[in-house]
Structures are given as structure tokens and as C-alpha cells.
């Protein structure tokens, strides 16, 4: 049983799928969270060249604008056969306004183009979460999960590349796994647990 943390903070995202998952992961800790989108905050340009840099940009900007502690994640799928792509460009891999289906289709076409073998389908999801307050960075937390890319999209749960990612130890994709299972093993769940541990040691008042 997690000790409840009496705190309010900003989730620096405008992505509804990510927001829903973040709130689900934060719920056991008793953390009250409002999103940057709900507060009407502008989305800063992600000019960083690493997951850490982009997460920091978003968290610091939200904390300064909202005058509340804030955290942000930058996450993506990393495929060695594609030299680490899509990586930090996962959300924009098929264009700024591409749908999840379009991003998945492009990724699967790329794997066909390079004539990938089964071993070449090895992949991992990475998530870096940064926590900020008053414009200062308070912590960096990372989670990752290893797996492989499926031949086709399977399942309707989750968002992003979930329907083509099969985590090690499972036969189902993240899109097929029950939410309660995914939220136990996912890269984002691992990173969020680090944030919660940090919050336990800080005094965040309502």
C-alpha cells in the first residue's frame, strides 16, 4: 500500500493519451495533478537532442508558468536496427500532425525497407521524467522496458506505438495487455515510481 502524498502538481503534457496514463499511475500515491493543457499553458518547442533535455524544457516551462511544481516526460521507442530511431522523434516520426496509425505504418515500412530479421526487431521503450519547481530542476528519473516489434499492429489499448510493442516475457503487445498489467511493467510506470519517491522527501503543499 503506497503512502498517500498530499500534493498538487502539473503534468506538462497536452497529449490526452499520455495524460490519462499518467493520472492512472499517480492515483495510488494520492497525487492531485492538473495538466498543462487544462491550464492553457503554451507548449514549449522541444529543441533538445536527448530525452532528458526535452523533458527538462517542458517541466521547467510548466513550473514557471503555473507557479506549481511540475513534471514532464519525454519518451519514445528505440530500435537498434534503425540506429535508435524513432527515439526522441517518436511523436513526430511521420509528421507533426500524424495519427498513431500513420506513425506505426511508417515504422513498419522502415523495417521492411531495411529487410529486418527477427533479431533486428529488438526494441525498447524509454521514458525520462524530470521534476521541477520554481524553474529549478529537482530530479531526473528514467524507466525502460525491453521487447520487440510485432509484424502488425494488434490491440486497441494504450496509445502511440503500443499496438506494435511486445514486452519481453509476453506474447501480447502493449495494445493487447490489460491496462493494470501494462501499468505495472511499463517504462513510464518505472519512471513515475521514481518521481513519487522524490515527492515523499519534499514538502509540496496544496
Foldseek 3Di string as FASTA:
>chain_A
DADAFAFEEEELDPDVLVVVLLCVLCVVNNYHYDYCVNVVHDQDDQPDPAFVSSFLVRQLSSQQVVQAKYKYKQKAKFFVLVVGPPHSCLCQCQHVPDALVSSQVVVLVVCVVSVHDQVRQKMKMKMWMWIDHNSDTDDIFIFMFIFGFANDFDAQDGGRRQRGTDTPPGPHGSRPDPSVVCCVRHGVSRRVVVVSVVSVVDDHHD
